[in-house]
Amino acid sequence: MFSKSKINEPGPKQGGESVSSSNAPSSDGASATRTSTDFSPSAAKAKPPASVLSADLVIKGNLKTTGDIQIEGTVEGDIRAHLLTVGEGATVKGEVMADDVVVNGKVVGRVRGLKVRLTSTAKVEGDIIHKTIAIESGAHFEGSVQRRDDPLNPSGQQGGGNRSGAAPSSSPAPESKPQS
C-alpha cells in the first residue's frame, strides 16, 4: 500500500519537474482515458430509452424487441417487448406480450404479461393471461382473466389450443381410469 502511494507521489513530483513538458497532460489524459473506459462498460449496461411510436403513426405488422415500447399511435399486429406502455389515445389490434404491460388506451386482442396493469382509461377487449394484475376503477374490460406462473410461454397456451382438439380425444383416457 505504501509503495503504491509512494509511486503515485513521486510521479507528480517527477512530473512536476517536467510539468511544463507534456507529462501532466498525458497522465491526466491517461486517467481520463481510463475513467472513460471504466464508464463505457457502465454506459453499455445502461438501459436504452423506450421506443416511442407517435400518435400519428399507424403500423400494420408485428413488433418485437427486448427493450421497451411506448405506443401512442395505432398498431395492427402482435407486439412483444420487455415493457409495453399503450398510451391513452393509442389502439392495438393484436396479441400483446411483455414482462410488464401498462394499458392506458385500447387493446383488442390477447394480453400476456408477468405484470399487467389496466389504468382507469384502459379499454381491453380480449383475454388477459398474467402472473399479477391490477385493474383500476374505471377501466373497461371484456374478456377472461387467467393467472399463470409463466404467462409468456405461448407454446403451453397455443399447444394447449391446438391440443384442445386432442383434449377431447384424451377423454378416452379418463374412461381408461374407470377401467383400471
N, C-alpha and C. Protein backbone atom coordinates (compact mmCIF):
# COMPACT_ATOMS: atom_id res chain seq x y z
N MET A 1 0.81 -1.18 0.00
CA MET A 1 0.00 0.00 0.00
C MET A 1 0.86 1.24 0.00
N PHE A 2 1.87 1.24 0.88
CA PHE A 2 2.73 2.41 0.96
C PHE A 2 3.50 2.60 -0.33
N SER A 3 3.89 1.49 -0.95
CA SER A 3 4.65 1.62 -2.19
C SER A 3 3.77 2.22 -3.29
N LYS A 4 2.50 1.87 -3.30
CA LYS A 4 1.62 2.45 -4.30
C LYS A 4 1.47 3.95 -4.08
N SER A 5 1.31 4.35 -2.84
CA SER A 5 1.19 5.76 -2.54
C SER A 5 2.48 6.47 -2.95
N LYS A 6 3.64 5.86 -2.63
CA LYS A 6 4.91 6.47 -2.97
C LYS A 6 5.08 6.53 -4.49
N ILE A 7 4.56 5.52 -5.18
CA ILE A 7 4.65 5.53 -6.64
C ILE A 7 3.82 6.68 -7.18
N ASN A 8 2.64 6.85 -6.63
CA ASN A 8 1.78 7.94 -7.08
C ASN A 8 2.36 9.29 -6.72
N GLU A 9 2.98 9.40 -5.54
CA GLU A 9 3.54 10.68 -5.12
C GLU A 9 4.76 11.07 -5.96
N PRO A 10 5.74 10.18 -6.15
CA PRO A 10 6.89 10.60 -6.95
C PRO A 10 6.51 10.92 -8.39
N GLY A 11 5.47 10.26 -8.91
CA GLY A 11 5.05 10.55 -10.29
C GLY A 11 4.78 12.02 -10.49
N PRO A 12 3.91 12.62 -9.66
CA PRO A 12 3.65 14.04 -9.82
C PRO A 12 4.88 14.88 -9.54
N LYS A 13 5.75 14.42 -8.58
CA LYS A 13 6.96 15.20 -8.29
C LYS A 13 7.87 15.19 -9.51
N GLN A 14 8.03 13.99 -10.11
CA GLN A 14 8.85 13.92 -11.30
C GLN A 14 8.15 14.67 -12.42
N GLY A 15 6.87 14.49 -12.49
CA GLY A 15 6.08 15.20 -13.49
C GLY A 15 6.12 16.69 -13.20
N GLY A 16 6.27 17.06 -11.90
CA GLY A 16 6.34 18.47 -11.53
C GLY A 16 7.58 19.09 -12.15
N GLU A 17 8.68 18.32 -12.24
CA GLU A 17 9.88 18.83 -12.90
C GLU A 17 9.63 18.97 -14.39
N SER A 18 8.86 18.04 -14.94
CA SER A 18 8.58 18.09 -16.36
C SER A 18 7.17 18.55 -16.64
N VAL A 19 6.51 19.18 -15.68
CA VAL A 19 5.12 19.60 -15.85
C VAL A 19 5.02 20.51 -17.04
N SER A 20 6.00 21.39 -17.22
CA SER A 20 5.93 22.26 -18.37
C SER A 20 6.07 21.48 -19.66
N SER A 21 6.61 20.26 -19.56
CA SER A 21 6.65 19.41 -20.75
C SER A 21 5.24 18.90 -20.98
N SER A 22 5.11 17.64 -21.29
CA SER A 22 3.78 17.11 -21.55
C SER A 22 3.44 15.96 -20.63
N ASN A 23 4.14 15.81 -19.50
CA ASN A 23 3.86 14.71 -18.58
C ASN A 23 2.52 14.84 -17.90
N ALA A 24 2.20 16.01 -17.37
CA ALA A 24 0.94 16.19 -16.65
C ALA A 24 -0.26 15.98 -17.57
N PRO A 25 -0.27 16.57 -18.77
CA PRO A 25 -1.41 16.33 -19.63
C PRO A 25 -1.54 14.86 -20.02
N SER A 26 -0.43 14.17 -20.27
CA SER A 26 -0.54 12.78 -20.67
C SER A 26 -1.03 11.93 -19.50
N SER A 27 -0.55 12.25 -18.26
CA SER A 27 -1.05 11.47 -17.13
C SER A 27 -2.53 11.79 -16.90
N ASP A 28 -2.94 13.05 -17.06
CA ASP A 28 -4.35 13.39 -16.95
C ASP A 28 -5.14 12.74 -18.07
N GLY A 29 -4.59 12.78 -19.26
CA GLY A 29 -5.25 12.16 -20.40
C GLY A 29 -5.37 10.67 -20.19
N ALA A 30 -4.32 10.06 -19.64
CA ALA A 30 -4.38 8.62 -19.37
C ALA A 30 -5.43 8.33 -18.32
N SER A 31 -5.50 9.19 -17.29
CA SER A 31 -6.52 8.99 -16.26
C SER A 31 -7.90 9.15 -16.85
N ALA A 32 -8.05 10.17 -17.70
CA ALA A 32 -9.34 10.42 -18.32
C ALA A 32 -9.72 9.24 -19.22
N THR A 33 -8.71 8.72 -19.94
CA THR A 33 -8.97 7.59 -20.81
C THR A 33 -9.39 6.38 -19.99
N ARG A 34 -8.68 6.14 -18.90
CA ARG A 34 -9.04 5.01 -18.05
C ARG A 34 -10.43 5.22 -17.45
N THR A 35 -10.70 6.44 -17.04
CA THR A 35 -12.02 6.74 -16.48
C THR A 35 -13.09 6.53 -17.53
N SER A 36 -12.85 6.99 -18.74
CA SER A 36 -13.83 6.80 -19.82
C SER A 36 -14.02 5.32 -20.08
N THR A 37 -12.92 4.57 -20.08
CA THR A 37 -13.02 3.15 -20.32
C THR A 37 -13.81 2.49 -19.19
N ASP A 38 -13.56 2.95 -17.96
CA ASP A 38 -14.29 2.39 -16.84
C ASP A 38 -15.78 2.68 -16.97
N PHE A 39 -16.13 3.86 -17.46
CA PHE A 39 -17.54 4.23 -17.56
C PHE A 39 -18.19 3.67 -18.82
N SER A 40 -17.43 3.36 -19.82
CA SER A 40 -18.01 2.82 -21.06
C SER A 40 -18.75 1.52 -20.81
N PRO A 41 -18.16 0.55 -20.08
CA PRO A 41 -18.94 -0.66 -19.81
C PRO A 41 -20.20 -0.34 -19.01
N SER A 42 -20.12 0.63 -18.10
CA SER A 42 -21.31 1.01 -17.35
C SER A 42 -22.35 1.60 -18.30
N ALA A 43 -21.87 2.41 -19.24
CA ALA A 43 -22.79 3.00 -20.21
C ALA A 43 -23.41 1.92 -21.08
N ALA A 44 -22.62 0.88 -21.39
CA ALA A 44 -23.15 -0.21 -22.19
C ALA A 44 -24.23 -0.96 -21.41
N LYS A 45 -24.09 -1.01 -20.09
CA LYS A 45 -25.08 -1.69 -19.26
C LYS A 45 -26.32 -0.84 -19.04
N ALA A 46 -26.19 0.46 -19.29
CA ALA A 46 -27.33 1.36 -19.09
C ALA A 46 -28.46 0.98 -20.05
N LYS A 47 -29.68 1.07 -19.55
CA LYS A 47 -30.84 0.68 -20.34
C LYS A 47 -31.19 1.79 -21.33
N PRO A 48 -31.37 1.44 -22.60
CA PRO A 48 -31.73 2.47 -23.57
C PRO A 48 -33.15 2.97 -23.32
N PRO A 49 -33.45 4.18 -23.77
CA PRO A 49 -34.80 4.71 -23.58
C PRO A 49 -35.83 3.92 -24.40
N ALA A 50 -37.08 4.03 -24.00
CA ALA A 50 -38.16 3.32 -24.70
C ALA A 50 -38.33 3.87 -26.11
N SER A 51 -38.68 2.98 -27.03
CA SER A 51 -39.03 3.40 -28.38
C SER A 51 -40.45 3.95 -28.32
N VAL A 52 -40.64 5.15 -28.85
CA VAL A 52 -41.94 5.79 -28.80
C VAL A 52 -42.53 5.84 -30.21
N LEU A 53 -43.73 5.30 -30.35
CA LEU A 53 -44.45 5.36 -31.62
C LEU A 53 -45.47 6.47 -31.50
N SER A 54 -45.28 7.53 -32.24
CA SER A 54 -46.07 8.75 -32.06
C SER A 54 -47.54 8.55 -32.44
N ALA A 55 -48.35 9.51 -32.03
CA ALA A 55 -49.80 9.42 -32.18
C ALA A 55 -50.24 9.37 -33.64
N ASP A 56 -49.48 9.96 -34.55
CA ASP A 56 -49.88 9.96 -35.96
C ASP A 56 -49.34 8.76 -36.74
N LEU A 57 -48.71 7.83 -36.04
CA LEU A 57 -48.10 6.67 -36.69
C LEU A 57 -49.05 5.48 -36.69
N VAL A 58 -49.22 4.85 -37.86
CA VAL A 58 -50.03 3.64 -37.99
C VAL A 58 -49.12 2.54 -38.50
N ILE A 59 -49.04 1.45 -37.76
CA ILE A 59 -48.18 0.33 -38.15
C ILE A 59 -49.06 -0.88 -38.39
N LYS A 60 -48.85 -1.53 -39.52
CA LYS A 60 -49.52 -2.78 -39.83
C LYS A 60 -48.44 -3.84 -39.93
N GLY A 61 -48.30 -4.62 -38.88
CA GLY A 61 -47.26 -5.63 -38.82
C GLY A 61 -46.89 -5.88 -37.37
N ASN A 62 -46.05 -6.89 -37.16
CA ASN A 62 -45.66 -7.28 -35.82
C ASN A 62 -44.44 -6.50 -35.35
N LEU A 63 -44.37 -6.26 -34.05
CA LEU A 63 -43.24 -5.58 -33.44
C LEU A 63 -42.61 -6.51 -32.42
N LYS A 64 -41.27 -6.58 -32.41
CA LYS A 64 -40.59 -7.44 -31.47
C LYS A 64 -39.30 -6.76 -31.01
N THR A 65 -39.11 -6.66 -29.69
CA THR A 65 -37.91 -6.06 -29.14
C THR A 65 -37.65 -6.63 -27.76
N THR A 66 -36.40 -6.55 -27.32
CA THR A 66 -36.08 -6.92 -25.95
C THR A 66 -36.13 -5.68 -25.06
N GLY A 67 -36.36 -4.54 -25.66
CA GLY A 67 -36.42 -3.28 -24.93
C GLY A 67 -37.84 -2.87 -24.60
N ASP A 68 -38.02 -1.58 -24.43
CA ASP A 68 -39.31 -1.02 -24.04
C ASP A 68 -39.95 -0.28 -25.22
N ILE A 69 -41.27 -0.34 -25.28
CA ILE A 69 -42.02 0.35 -26.33
C ILE A 69 -43.14 1.15 -25.68
N GLN A 70 -43.29 2.39 -26.14
CA GLN A 70 -44.43 3.21 -25.73
C GLN A 70 -45.21 3.52 -27.00
N ILE A 71 -46.46 3.12 -27.03
CA ILE A 71 -47.29 3.30 -28.22
C ILE A 71 -48.28 4.42 -27.97
N GLU A 72 -48.27 5.38 -28.86
CA GLU A 72 -49.23 6.48 -28.81
C GLU A 72 -50.13 6.46 -30.04
N GLY A 73 -49.73 5.72 -31.07
CA GLY A 73 -50.49 5.64 -32.32
C GLY A 73 -51.30 4.36 -32.40
N THR A 74 -51.36 3.78 -33.62
CA THR A 74 -52.15 2.58 -33.88
C THR A 74 -51.25 1.47 -34.40
N VAL A 75 -51.40 0.28 -33.83
CA VAL A 75 -50.65 -0.89 -34.28
C VAL A 75 -51.64 -2.00 -34.57
N GLU A 76 -51.56 -2.55 -35.78
CA GLU A 76 -52.37 -3.70 -36.16
C GLU A 76 -51.41 -4.86 -36.35
N GLY A 77 -51.21 -5.61 -35.29
CA GLY A 77 -50.27 -6.73 -35.31
C GLY A 77 -49.88 -7.08 -33.89
N ASP A 78 -49.10 -8.14 -33.76
CA ASP A 78 -48.67 -8.60 -32.44
C ASP A 78 -47.46 -7.80 -31.97
N ILE A 79 -47.37 -7.63 -30.66
CA ILE A 79 -46.27 -6.87 -30.07
C ILE A 79 -45.63 -7.70 -28.98
N ARG A 80 -44.29 -7.76 -29.01
CA ARG A 80 -43.53 -8.43 -27.95
C ARG A 80 -42.45 -7.48 -27.50
N ALA A 81 -42.36 -7.26 -26.18
CA ALA A 81 -41.38 -6.32 -25.64
C ALA A 81 -41.11 -6.66 -24.19
N HIS A 82 -40.16 -5.93 -23.60
CA HIS A 82 -39.89 -6.08 -22.17
C HIS A 82 -40.94 -5.30 -21.38
N LEU A 83 -41.07 -4.02 -21.70
CA LEU A 83 -42.09 -3.16 -21.08
C LEU A 83 -42.89 -2.53 -22.20
N LEU A 84 -44.18 -2.72 -22.17
CA LEU A 84 -45.06 -2.13 -23.18
C LEU A 84 -46.02 -1.19 -22.51
N THR A 85 -46.04 0.05 -22.98
CA THR A 85 -46.98 1.04 -22.49
C THR A 85 -47.87 1.46 -23.64
N VAL A 86 -49.17 1.26 -23.49
CA VAL A 86 -50.14 1.67 -24.51
C VAL A 86 -50.70 3.00 -24.04
N GLY A 87 -50.41 4.05 -24.80
CA GLY A 87 -50.84 5.39 -24.42
C GLY A 87 -52.34 5.57 -24.43
N GLU A 88 -52.79 6.65 -23.84
CA GLU A 88 -54.22 6.91 -23.66
C GLU A 88 -54.97 7.00 -24.99
N GLY A 89 -54.35 7.55 -26.02
CA GLY A 89 -55.00 7.67 -27.32
C GLY A 89 -54.62 6.57 -28.28
N ALA A 90 -53.89 5.57 -27.82
CA ALA A 90 -53.37 4.51 -28.69
C ALA A 90 -54.37 3.37 -28.84
N THR A 91 -54.22 2.64 -29.97
CA THR A 91 -55.03 1.46 -30.23
C THR A 91 -54.12 0.34 -30.71
N VAL A 92 -54.26 -0.83 -30.12
CA VAL A 92 -53.50 -2.01 -30.53
C VAL A 92 -54.50 -3.09 -30.87
N LYS A 93 -54.39 -3.64 -32.09
CA LYS A 93 -55.24 -4.74 -32.52
C LYS A 93 -54.32 -5.92 -32.78
N GLY A 94 -54.24 -6.83 -31.81
CA GLY A 94 -53.36 -7.99 -31.93
C GLY A 94 -52.97 -8.46 -30.55
N GLU A 95 -52.15 -9.51 -30.51
CA GLU A 95 -51.70 -10.05 -29.22
C GLU A 95 -50.56 -9.22 -28.68
N VAL A 96 -50.61 -8.95 -27.40
CA VAL A 96 -49.60 -8.17 -26.71
C VAL A 96 -48.91 -9.10 -25.72
N MET A 97 -47.58 -9.13 -25.75
CA MET A 97 -46.83 -9.99 -24.85
C MET A 97 -45.61 -9.21 -24.34
N ALA A 98 -45.53 -9.03 -23.00
CA ALA A 98 -44.41 -8.31 -22.41
C ALA A 98 -44.27 -8.70 -20.95
N ASP A 99 -43.08 -8.47 -20.41
CA ASP A 99 -42.89 -8.71 -18.98
C ASP A 99 -43.83 -7.79 -18.20
N ASP A 100 -43.83 -6.52 -18.56
CA ASP A 100 -44.70 -5.53 -17.92
C ASP A 100 -45.57 -4.89 -18.99
N VAL A 101 -46.87 -4.89 -18.77
CA VAL A 101 -47.81 -4.27 -19.71
C VAL A 101 -48.62 -3.23 -18.94
N VAL A 102 -48.61 -2.00 -19.45
CA VAL A 102 -49.42 -0.93 -18.87
C VAL A 102 -50.34 -0.44 -19.97
N VAL A 103 -51.64 -0.56 -19.76
CA VAL A 103 -52.62 -0.16 -20.77
C VAL A 103 -53.35 1.07 -20.28
N ASN A 104 -53.16 2.16 -21.02
CA ASN A 104 -53.90 3.39 -20.79
C ASN A 104 -54.95 3.59 -21.88
N GLY A 105 -54.72 2.98 -23.05
CA GLY A 105 -55.57 3.14 -24.22
C GLY A 105 -56.37 1.89 -24.51
N LYS A 106 -56.48 1.55 -25.80
CA LYS A 106 -57.34 0.45 -26.23
C LYS A 106 -56.52 -0.70 -26.78
N VAL A 107 -56.85 -1.92 -26.33
CA VAL A 107 -56.24 -3.14 -26.85
C VAL A 107 -57.36 -4.09 -27.22
N VAL A 108 -57.33 -4.53 -28.49
CA VAL A 108 -58.28 -5.53 -28.96
C VAL A 108 -57.46 -6.77 -29.28
N GLY A 109 -57.49 -7.75 -28.38
CA GLY A 109 -56.69 -8.95 -28.56
C GLY A 109 -56.19 -9.44 -27.21
N ARG A 110 -55.50 -10.55 -27.23
CA ARG A 110 -54.99 -11.17 -26.01
C ARG A 110 -53.83 -10.37 -25.43
N VAL A 111 -53.81 -10.27 -24.11
CA VAL A 111 -52.72 -9.60 -23.39
C VAL A 111 -52.04 -10.64 -22.51
N ARG A 112 -50.72 -10.77 -22.66
CA ARG A 112 -49.93 -11.69 -21.84
C ARG A 112 -48.84 -10.91 -21.16
N GLY A 113 -48.72 -11.08 -19.84
CA GLY A 113 -47.66 -10.38 -19.15
C GLY A 113 -47.45 -10.89 -17.75
N LEU A 114 -46.21 -10.75 -17.28
CA LEU A 114 -45.94 -11.09 -15.89
C LEU A 114 -46.69 -10.11 -14.99
N LYS A 115 -46.60 -8.82 -15.33
CA LYS A 115 -47.34 -7.79 -14.60
C LYS A 115 -48.21 -7.05 -15.62
N VAL A 116 -49.49 -7.05 -15.41
CA VAL A 116 -50.42 -6.35 -16.29
C VAL A 116 -51.15 -5.31 -15.47
N ARG A 117 -51.19 -4.09 -15.99
CA ARG A 117 -51.88 -3.01 -15.29
C ARG A 117 -52.82 -2.30 -16.26
N LEU A 118 -54.09 -2.26 -15.89
CA LEU A 118 -55.08 -1.53 -16.67
C LEU A 118 -55.42 -0.27 -15.88
N THR A 119 -55.11 0.87 -16.44
CA THR A 119 -55.40 2.12 -15.75
C THR A 119 -56.87 2.49 -15.94
N SER A 120 -57.29 3.56 -15.32
CA SER A 120 -58.70 3.95 -15.37
C SER A 120 -59.17 4.31 -16.77
N THR A 121 -58.26 4.61 -17.69
CA THR A 121 -58.63 4.97 -19.06
C THR A 121 -58.50 3.79 -20.03
N ALA A 122 -58.15 2.62 -19.53
CA ALA A 122 -57.91 1.44 -20.38
C ALA A 122 -59.21 0.85 -20.90
N LYS A 123 -59.13 0.34 -22.14
CA LYS A 123 -60.22 -0.40 -22.75
C LYS A 123 -59.62 -1.65 -23.38
N VAL A 124 -59.90 -2.80 -22.79
CA VAL A 124 -59.34 -4.06 -23.29
C VAL A 124 -60.48 -4.98 -23.67
N GLU A 125 -60.40 -5.47 -24.92
CA GLU A 125 -61.36 -6.44 -25.42
C GLU A 125 -60.58 -7.69 -25.81
N GLY A 126 -60.47 -8.61 -24.88
CA GLY A 126 -59.72 -9.83 -25.12
C GLY A 126 -59.31 -10.44 -23.80
N ASP A 127 -58.73 -11.61 -23.87
CA ASP A 127 -58.33 -12.34 -22.67
C ASP A 127 -57.02 -11.78 -22.13
N ILE A 128 -56.86 -11.86 -20.82
CA ILE A 128 -55.63 -11.44 -20.17
C ILE A 128 -55.06 -12.64 -19.44
N ILE A 129 -53.82 -12.98 -19.77
CA ILE A 129 -53.10 -14.06 -19.11
C ILE A 129 -51.93 -13.40 -18.38
N HIS A 130 -51.87 -13.57 -17.08
CA HIS A 130 -50.94 -12.78 -16.27
C HIS A 130 -50.39 -13.58 -15.10
N LYS A 131 -49.35 -13.03 -14.49
CA LYS A 131 -48.89 -13.54 -13.19
C LYS A 131 -49.46 -12.64 -12.10
N THR A 132 -49.37 -11.32 -12.30
CA THR A 132 -50.01 -10.37 -11.40
C THR A 132 -50.77 -9.36 -12.25
N ILE A 133 -51.89 -8.88 -11.71
CA ILE A 133 -52.71 -7.94 -12.46
C ILE A 133 -53.25 -6.86 -11.52
N ALA A 134 -53.38 -5.66 -12.07
CA ALA A 134 -54.00 -4.55 -11.35
C ALA A 134 -54.97 -3.87 -12.31
N ILE A 135 -56.20 -3.73 -11.89
CA ILE A 135 -57.22 -3.07 -12.71
C ILE A 135 -57.77 -1.90 -11.90
N GLU A 136 -57.53 -0.70 -12.40
CA GLU A 136 -58.01 0.49 -11.70
C GLU A 136 -59.49 0.69 -11.94
N SER A 137 -60.11 1.38 -11.02
CA SER A 137 -61.52 1.71 -11.14
C SER A 137 -61.72 2.58 -12.37
N GLY A 138 -62.71 2.24 -13.18
CA GLY A 138 -62.99 2.99 -14.40
C GLY A 138 -62.48 2.30 -15.65
N ALA A 139 -61.62 1.31 -15.50
CA ALA A 139 -61.11 0.57 -16.66
C ALA A 139 -62.24 -0.26 -17.27
N HIS A 140 -62.24 -0.37 -18.59
CA HIS A 140 -63.24 -1.16 -19.32
C HIS A 140 -62.56 -2.44 -19.78
N PHE A 141 -63.14 -3.58 -19.43
CA PHE A 141 -62.53 -4.86 -19.77
C PHE A 141 -63.59 -5.87 -20.13
N GLU A 142 -63.44 -6.46 -21.32
CA GLU A 142 -64.33 -7.54 -21.75
C GLU A 142 -63.47 -8.72 -22.15
N GLY A 143 -63.59 -9.81 -21.43
CA GLY A 143 -62.80 -10.99 -21.72
C GLY A 143 -62.62 -11.80 -20.46
N SER A 144 -61.71 -12.73 -20.51
CA SER A 144 -61.45 -13.55 -19.34
C SER A 144 -60.06 -13.23 -18.79
N VAL A 145 -59.90 -13.52 -17.52
CA VAL A 145 -58.62 -13.30 -16.85
C VAL A 145 -58.14 -14.65 -16.35
N GLN A 146 -56.88 -14.94 -16.66
CA GLN A 146 -56.32 -16.22 -16.24
C GLN A 146 -54.94 -16.00 -15.65
N ARG A 147 -54.72 -16.51 -14.43
CA ARG A 147 -53.41 -16.38 -13.81
C ARG A 147 -52.57 -17.60 -14.14
N ARG A 148 -51.30 -17.35 -14.49
CA ARG A 148 -50.34 -18.42 -14.77
C ARG A 148 -48.99 -18.03 -14.20
N ASP A 149 -48.23 -19.02 -13.81
CA ASP A 149 -46.88 -18.74 -13.33
C ASP A 149 -45.98 -18.28 -14.46
N ASP A 150 -46.21 -18.79 -15.66
CA ASP A 150 -45.41 -18.40 -16.83
C ASP A 150 -46.33 -17.97 -17.96
N PRO A 151 -46.90 -16.77 -17.87
CA PRO A 151 -47.86 -16.33 -18.89
C PRO A 151 -47.21 -16.00 -20.23
N LEU A 152 -45.89 -15.85 -20.27
CA LEU A 152 -45.21 -15.50 -21.52
C LEU A 152 -44.89 -16.72 -22.37
N ASN A 153 -45.18 -17.90 -21.87
CA ASN A 153 -44.91 -19.11 -22.63
C ASN A 153 -46.09 -19.42 -23.51
N PRO A 154 -46.04 -18.98 -24.77
CA PRO A 154 -47.19 -19.19 -25.65
C PRO A 154 -47.33 -20.64 -26.10
N SER A 155 -46.25 -21.42 -26.03
CA SER A 155 -46.32 -22.80 -26.51
C SER A 155 -47.29 -23.61 -25.66
N GLY A 156 -47.32 -23.34 -24.36
CA GLY A 156 -48.27 -24.04 -23.50
C GLY A 156 -49.70 -23.69 -23.88
N GLN A 157 -49.96 -22.41 -24.14
CA GLN A 157 -51.31 -21.97 -24.48
C GLN A 157 -51.66 -22.39 -25.90
N GLN A 158 -50.75 -22.09 -26.85
CA GLN A 158 -51.05 -22.42 -28.24
C GLN A 158 -51.05 -23.92 -28.43
N GLY A 159 -50.09 -24.60 -27.77
CA GLY A 159 -50.07 -26.05 -27.85
C GLY A 159 -51.34 -26.60 -27.23
N GLY A 160 -51.75 -25.99 -26.11
CA GLY A 160 -53.00 -26.40 -25.46
C GLY A 160 -54.17 -26.10 -26.36
N GLY A 161 -54.09 -24.97 -27.08
CA GLY A 161 -55.16 -24.61 -28.00
C GLY A 161 -55.23 -25.59 -29.15
N ASN A 162 -54.08 -25.99 -29.66
CA ASN A 162 -54.05 -26.96 -30.75
C ASN A 162 -54.42 -28.34 -30.22
N ARG A 163 -54.05 -28.62 -28.99
CA ARG A 163 -54.33 -29.91 -28.42
C ARG A 163 -55.71 -29.94 -27.77
N SER A 164 -56.35 -28.76 -27.70
CA SER A 164 -57.70 -28.77 -27.13
C SER A 164 -58.59 -29.65 -28.00
N GLY A 165 -58.28 -29.71 -29.29
CA GLY A 165 -58.95 -30.66 -30.16
C GLY A 165 -58.54 -32.06 -29.77
N ALA A 166 -57.28 -32.20 -29.30
CA ALA A 166 -56.80 -33.50 -28.88
C ALA A 166 -57.28 -33.81 -27.46
N ALA A 167 -57.60 -32.77 -26.70
CA ALA A 167 -58.06 -32.98 -25.33
C ALA A 167 -59.35 -33.81 -25.30
N PRO A 168 -60.33 -33.51 -26.19
CA PRO A 168 -61.49 -34.39 -26.21
C PRO A 168 -61.10 -35.81 -26.60
N SER A 169 -60.06 -35.96 -27.42
CA SER A 169 -59.59 -37.29 -27.77
C SER A 169 -59.00 -37.96 -26.55
N SER A 170 -58.45 -37.13 -25.64
CA SER A 170 -57.88 -37.70 -24.43
C SER A 170 -58.98 -38.04 -23.42
N SER A 171 -60.23 -37.69 -23.74
CA SER A 171 -61.32 -38.08 -22.85
C SER A 171 -61.45 -39.60 -22.75
N PRO A 172 -61.04 -40.39 -23.77
CA PRO A 172 -60.99 -41.83 -23.54
C PRO A 172 -60.00 -42.20 -22.46
N ALA A 173 -58.98 -41.36 -22.24
CA ALA A 173 -58.03 -41.65 -21.18
C ALA A 173 -58.73 -41.64 -19.82
N PRO A 174 -59.61 -40.63 -19.55
CA PRO A 174 -60.36 -40.73 -18.29
C PRO A 174 -61.26 -41.97 -18.26
N GLU A 175 -61.74 -42.40 -19.42
CA GLU A 175 -62.53 -43.63 -19.46
C GLU A 175 -61.64 -44.80 -19.09
N SER A 176 -60.35 -44.69 -19.44
CA SER A 176 -59.42 -45.77 -19.10
C SER A 176 -59.26 -45.86 -17.60
N LYS A 177 -59.32 -44.71 -16.93
CA LYS A 177 -59.16 -44.71 -15.47
C LYS A 177 -60.25 -45.53 -14.79
N PRO A 178 -61.53 -45.36 -15.20
CA PRO A 178 -62.54 -46.21 -14.57
C PRO A 178 -62.31 -47.69 -14.85
N GLN A 179 -61.73 -48.02 -16.03
CA GLN A 179 -61.46 -49.41 -16.35
C GLN A 179 -60.38 -49.96 -15.42
N SER A 180 -59.44 -49.12 -15.00
CA SER A 180 -58.37 -49.58 -14.14
C SER A 180 -58.88 -49.86 -12.81
